[in-house]
Protein backbone atom coordinates (compact mmCIF):
# COMPACT_ATOMS: atom_id res chain seq x y z
CA UNK A 1 0.00 0.00 0.00
CA UNK A 2 2.86 2.37 0.80
CA UNK A 3 4.41 1.74 -2.62
CA UNK A 4 1.16 2.52 -4.40
CA UNK A 5 0.70 5.78 -2.46
CA UNK A 6 4.33 6.73 -3.07
CA UNK A 7 3.95 6.21 -6.84
CA UNK A 8 0.69 8.20 -6.83
CA UNK A 9 2.49 11.12 -5.14
CA UNK A 10 5.42 10.78 -7.56
CA UNK A 11 3.22 10.91 -10.66
CA UNK A 12 1.11 13.75 -9.27
CA UNK A 13 4.22 15.75 -8.31
CA UNK A 14 5.70 15.23 -11.78
CA UNK A 15 2.42 16.29 -13.41
CA UNK A 16 1.97 19.40 -11.28
CA UNK A 17 5.67 20.29 -11.37
CA UNK A 18 5.66 19.95 -15.15
CA UNK A 19 2.60 22.16 -15.36
CA UNK A 20 4.25 24.82 -13.19
CA UNK A 21 7.47 24.48 -15.23
CA UNK A 22 5.62 25.02 -18.51
CA UNK A 23 3.96 28.07 -16.98
CA UNK A 24 7.31 29.38 -15.75
CA UNK A 25 8.95 29.18 -19.19
CA UNK A 26 5.94 30.71 -20.93
CA UNK A 27 4.48 27.79 -22.88
CA UNK A 28 1.32 27.65 -20.78
CA UNK A 29 -0.38 30.82 -19.55
CA UNK A 30 -2.86 29.48 -16.99
CA UNK A 31 -1.06 30.01 -13.68
CA UNK A 32 -2.89 31.86 -10.92
CA UNK A 33 0.34 32.56 -9.02
CA UNK A 34 3.14 35.06 -9.49
CA UNK A 35 6.12 34.25 -11.70
CA UNK A 36 8.40 33.73 -8.71
CA UNK A 37 5.95 31.44 -6.94
CA UNK A 38 5.37 29.45 -10.13
CA UNK A 39 9.11 28.92 -10.57
CA UNK A 40 9.50 27.95 -6.91
CA UNK A 41 6.67 25.41 -7.11
CA UNK A 42 8.09 23.94 -10.33
CA UNK A 43 11.55 23.47 -8.84
CA UNK A 44 10.19 22.19 -5.54
CA UNK A 45 7.80 19.65 -7.02
CA UNK A 46 10.17 18.35 -9.70
CA UNK A 47 13.10 18.08 -7.28
CA UNK A 48 11.03 16.25 -4.68
CA UNK A 49 9.60 13.95 -7.35
CA UNK A 50 13.12 13.20 -8.57
CA UNK A 51 14.27 12.42 -5.03
CA UNK A 52 11.24 10.17 -4.53
CA UNK A 53 11.90 8.30 -7.79
CA UNK A 54 15.53 7.82 -6.75
CA UNK A 55 14.49 6.41 -3.38
CA UNK A 56 11.90 4.10 -4.95
CA UNK A 57 14.09 2.75 -7.75
CA UNK A 58 17.65 2.81 -6.42
CA UNK A 59 17.15 2.42 -2.67
CA UNK A 60 13.77 0.59 -2.55
CA UNK A 61 12.69 2.80 0.34
CA UNK A 62 9.00 3.39 -0.31
CA UNK A 63 8.26 4.89 3.10
CA UNK A 64 10.82 7.67 2.74
CA UNK A 65 9.73 8.30 -0.87
CA UNK A 66 6.16 8.73 0.37
CA UNK A 67 7.26 11.18 3.06
CA UNK A 68 9.25 13.21 0.54
CA UNK A 69 6.38 13.21 -1.96
CA UNK A 70 3.91 14.39 0.67
CA UNK A 71 6.47 16.80 2.12
CA UNK A 72 6.45 18.82 -1.08
CA UNK A 73 2.78 19.63 -0.55
CA UNK A 74 3.33 20.50 3.10
CA UNK A 75 6.06 22.96 2.08
CA UNK A 76 3.81 24.47 -0.60
CA UNK A 77 1.03 24.86 1.96
CA UNK A 78 3.31 26.78 4.32
CA UNK A 79 4.63 28.95 1.48
CA UNK A 80 1.06 29.86 0.45
CA UNK A 81 0.13 30.50 4.08
CA UNK A 82 3.10 32.83 4.56
CA UNK A 83 2.27 34.58 1.29
CA UNK A 84 -1.30 35.19 2.46
CA UNK A 85 -0.15 36.49 5.84
CA UNK A 86 2.72 38.70 4.74
CA UNK A 87 1.70 39.58 1.17
CA UNK A 88 0.56 43.05 0.22
CA UNK A 89 -2.80 43.13 -1.45
CA UNK A 90 -3.34 46.60 -2.88
C-alpha atoms as a PDB file:
ATOM      1  CA  UNK A   1       0.000   0.000   0.000  1.00  0.00           C
ATOM      2  CA  UNK A   2       2.857   2.369   0.796  1.00  0.00           C
ATOM      3  CA  UNK A   3       4.415   1.738  -2.623  1.00  0.00           C
ATOM      4  CA  UNK A   4       1.158   2.524  -4.395  1.00  0.00           C
ATOM      5  CA  UNK A   5       0.704   5.777  -2.462  1.00  0.00           C
ATOM      6  CA  UNK A   6       4.333   6.731  -3.072  1.00  0.00           C
ATOM      7  CA  UNK A   7       3.946   6.207  -6.838  1.00  0.00           C
ATOM      8  CA  UNK A   8       0.693   8.204  -6.828  1.00  0.00           C
ATOM      9  CA  UNK A   9       2.486  11.118  -5.144  1.00  0.00           C
ATOM     10  CA  UNK A  10       5.417  10.777  -7.556  1.00  0.00           C
ATOM     11  CA  UNK A  11       3.218  10.915 -10.657  1.00  0.00           C
ATOM     12  CA  UNK A  12       1.112  13.752  -9.271  1.00  0.00           C
ATOM     13  CA  UNK A  13       4.217  15.754  -8.310  1.00  0.00           C
ATOM     14  CA  UNK A  14       5.697  15.231 -11.783  1.00  0.00           C
ATOM     15  CA  UNK A  15       2.419  16.285 -13.411  1.00  0.00           C
ATOM     16  CA  UNK A  16       1.966  19.405 -11.278  1.00  0.00           C
ATOM     17  CA  UNK A  17       5.671  20.286 -11.370  1.00  0.00           C
ATOM     18  CA  UNK A  18       5.660  19.946 -15.151  1.00  0.00           C
ATOM     19  CA  UNK A  19       2.596  22.161 -15.358  1.00  0.00           C
ATOM     20  CA  UNK A  20       4.252  24.821 -13.195  1.00  0.00           C
ATOM     21  CA  UNK A  21       7.470  24.479 -15.226  1.00  0.00           C
ATOM     22  CA  UNK A  22       5.623  25.017 -18.511  1.00  0.00           C
ATOM     23  CA  UNK A  23       3.959  28.071 -16.982  1.00  0.00           C
ATOM     24  CA  UNK A  24       7.307  29.384 -15.754  1.00  0.00           C
ATOM     25  CA  UNK A  25       8.953  29.184 -19.192  1.00  0.00           C
ATOM     26  CA  UNK A  26       5.940  30.713 -20.932  1.00  0.00           C
ATOM     27  CA  UNK A  27       4.482  27.789 -22.877  1.00  0.00           C
ATOM     28  CA  UNK A  28       1.323  27.654 -20.775  1.00  0.00           C
ATOM     29  CA  UNK A  29      -0.378  30.818 -19.549  1.00  0.00           C
ATOM     30  CA  UNK A  30      -2.855  29.482 -16.991  1.00  0.00           C
ATOM     31  CA  UNK A  31      -1.057  30.009 -13.675  1.00  0.00           C
ATOM     32  CA  UNK A  32      -2.885  31.860 -10.917  1.00  0.00           C
ATOM     33  CA  UNK A  33       0.335  32.563  -9.023  1.00  0.00           C
ATOM     34  CA  UNK A  34       3.144  35.064  -9.489  1.00  0.00           C
ATOM     35  CA  UNK A  35       6.122  34.247 -11.701  1.00  0.00           C
ATOM     36  CA  UNK A  36       8.404  33.729  -8.705  1.00  0.00           C
ATOM     37  CA  UNK A  37       5.951  31.442  -6.943  1.00  0.00           C
ATOM     38  CA  UNK A  38       5.366  29.451 -10.129  1.00  0.00           C
ATOM     39  CA  UNK A  39       9.112  28.922 -10.569  1.00  0.00           C
ATOM     40  CA  UNK A  40       9.502  27.953  -6.914  1.00  0.00           C
ATOM     41  CA  UNK A  41       6.672  25.413  -7.108  1.00  0.00           C
ATOM     42  CA  UNK A  42       8.087  23.941 -10.326  1.00  0.00           C
ATOM     43  CA  UNK A  43      11.548  23.472  -8.839  1.00  0.00           C
ATOM     44  CA  UNK A  44      10.194  22.189  -5.535  1.00  0.00           C
ATOM     45  CA  UNK A  45       7.799  19.645  -7.021  1.00  0.00           C
ATOM     46  CA  UNK A  46      10.169  18.354  -9.705  1.00  0.00           C
ATOM     47  CA  UNK A  47      13.097  18.082  -7.278  1.00  0.00           C
ATOM     48  CA  UNK A  48      11.027  16.252  -4.680  1.00  0.00           C
ATOM     49  CA  UNK A  49       9.602  13.946  -7.352  1.00  0.00           C
ATOM     50  CA  UNK A  50      13.125  13.196  -8.567  1.00  0.00           C
ATOM     51  CA  UNK A  51      14.266  12.416  -5.028  1.00  0.00           C
ATOM     52  CA  UNK A  52      11.238  10.167  -4.533  1.00  0.00           C
ATOM     53  CA  UNK A  53      11.904   8.300  -7.788  1.00  0.00           C
ATOM     54  CA  UNK A  54      15.535   7.817  -6.749  1.00  0.00           C
ATOM     55  CA  UNK A  55      14.485   6.410  -3.378  1.00  0.00           C
ATOM     56  CA  UNK A  56      11.904   4.101  -4.951  1.00  0.00           C
ATOM     57  CA  UNK A  57      14.090   2.753  -7.747  1.00  0.00           C
ATOM     58  CA  UNK A  58      17.649   2.809  -6.422  1.00  0.00           C
ATOM     59  CA  UNK A  59      17.148   2.420  -2.675  1.00  0.00           C
ATOM     60  CA  UNK A  60      13.770   0.593  -2.549  1.00  0.00           C
ATOM     61  CA  UNK A  61      12.692   2.802   0.338  1.00  0.00           C
ATOM     62  CA  UNK A  62       8.999   3.393  -0.309  1.00  0.00           C
ATOM     63  CA  UNK A  63       8.258   4.887   3.098  1.00  0.00           C
ATOM     64  CA  UNK A  64      10.825   7.673   2.736  1.00  0.00           C
ATOM     65  CA  UNK A  65       9.726   8.295  -0.866  1.00  0.00           C
ATOM     66  CA  UNK A  66       6.160   8.730   0.370  1.00  0.00           C
ATOM     67  CA  UNK A  67       7.259  11.182   3.060  1.00  0.00           C
ATOM     68  CA  UNK A  68       9.254  13.215   0.538  1.00  0.00           C
ATOM     69  CA  UNK A  69       6.375  13.207  -1.959  1.00  0.00           C
ATOM     70  CA  UNK A  70       3.912  14.393   0.674  1.00  0.00           C
ATOM     71  CA  UNK A  71       6.471  16.801   2.123  1.00  0.00           C
ATOM     72  CA  UNK A  72       6.449  18.821  -1.077  1.00  0.00           C
ATOM     73  CA  UNK A  73       2.780  19.630  -0.554  1.00  0.00           C
ATOM     74  CA  UNK A  74       3.327  20.498   3.100  1.00  0.00           C
ATOM     75  CA  UNK A  75       6.056  22.957   2.078  1.00  0.00           C
ATOM     76  CA  UNK A  76       3.812  24.474  -0.595  1.00  0.00           C
ATOM     77  CA  UNK A  77       1.028  24.860   1.963  1.00  0.00           C
ATOM     78  CA  UNK A  78       3.310  26.785   4.320  1.00  0.00           C
ATOM     79  CA  UNK A  79       4.627  28.950   1.477  1.00  0.00           C
ATOM     80  CA  UNK A  80       1.062  29.855   0.455  1.00  0.00           C
ATOM     81  CA  UNK A  81       0.127  30.498   4.078  1.00  0.00           C
ATOM     82  CA  UNK A  82       3.103  32.830   4.558  1.00  0.00           C
ATOM     83  CA  UNK A  83       2.268  34.577   1.291  1.00  0.00           C
ATOM     84  CA  UNK A  84      -1.298  35.188   2.464  1.00  0.00           C
ATOM     85  CA  UNK A  85      -0.148  36.488   5.842  1.00  0.00           C
ATOM     86  CA  UNK A  86       2.723  38.700   4.737  1.00  0.00           C
ATOM     87  CA  UNK A  87       1.696  39.579   1.173  1.00  0.00           C
ATOM     88  CA  UNK A  88       0.562  43.049   0.216  1.00  0.00           C
ATOM     89  CA  UNK A  89      -2.803  43.129  -1.447  1.00  0.00           C
ATOM     90  CA  UNK A  90      -3.338  46.598  -2.879  1.00  0.00           C
END
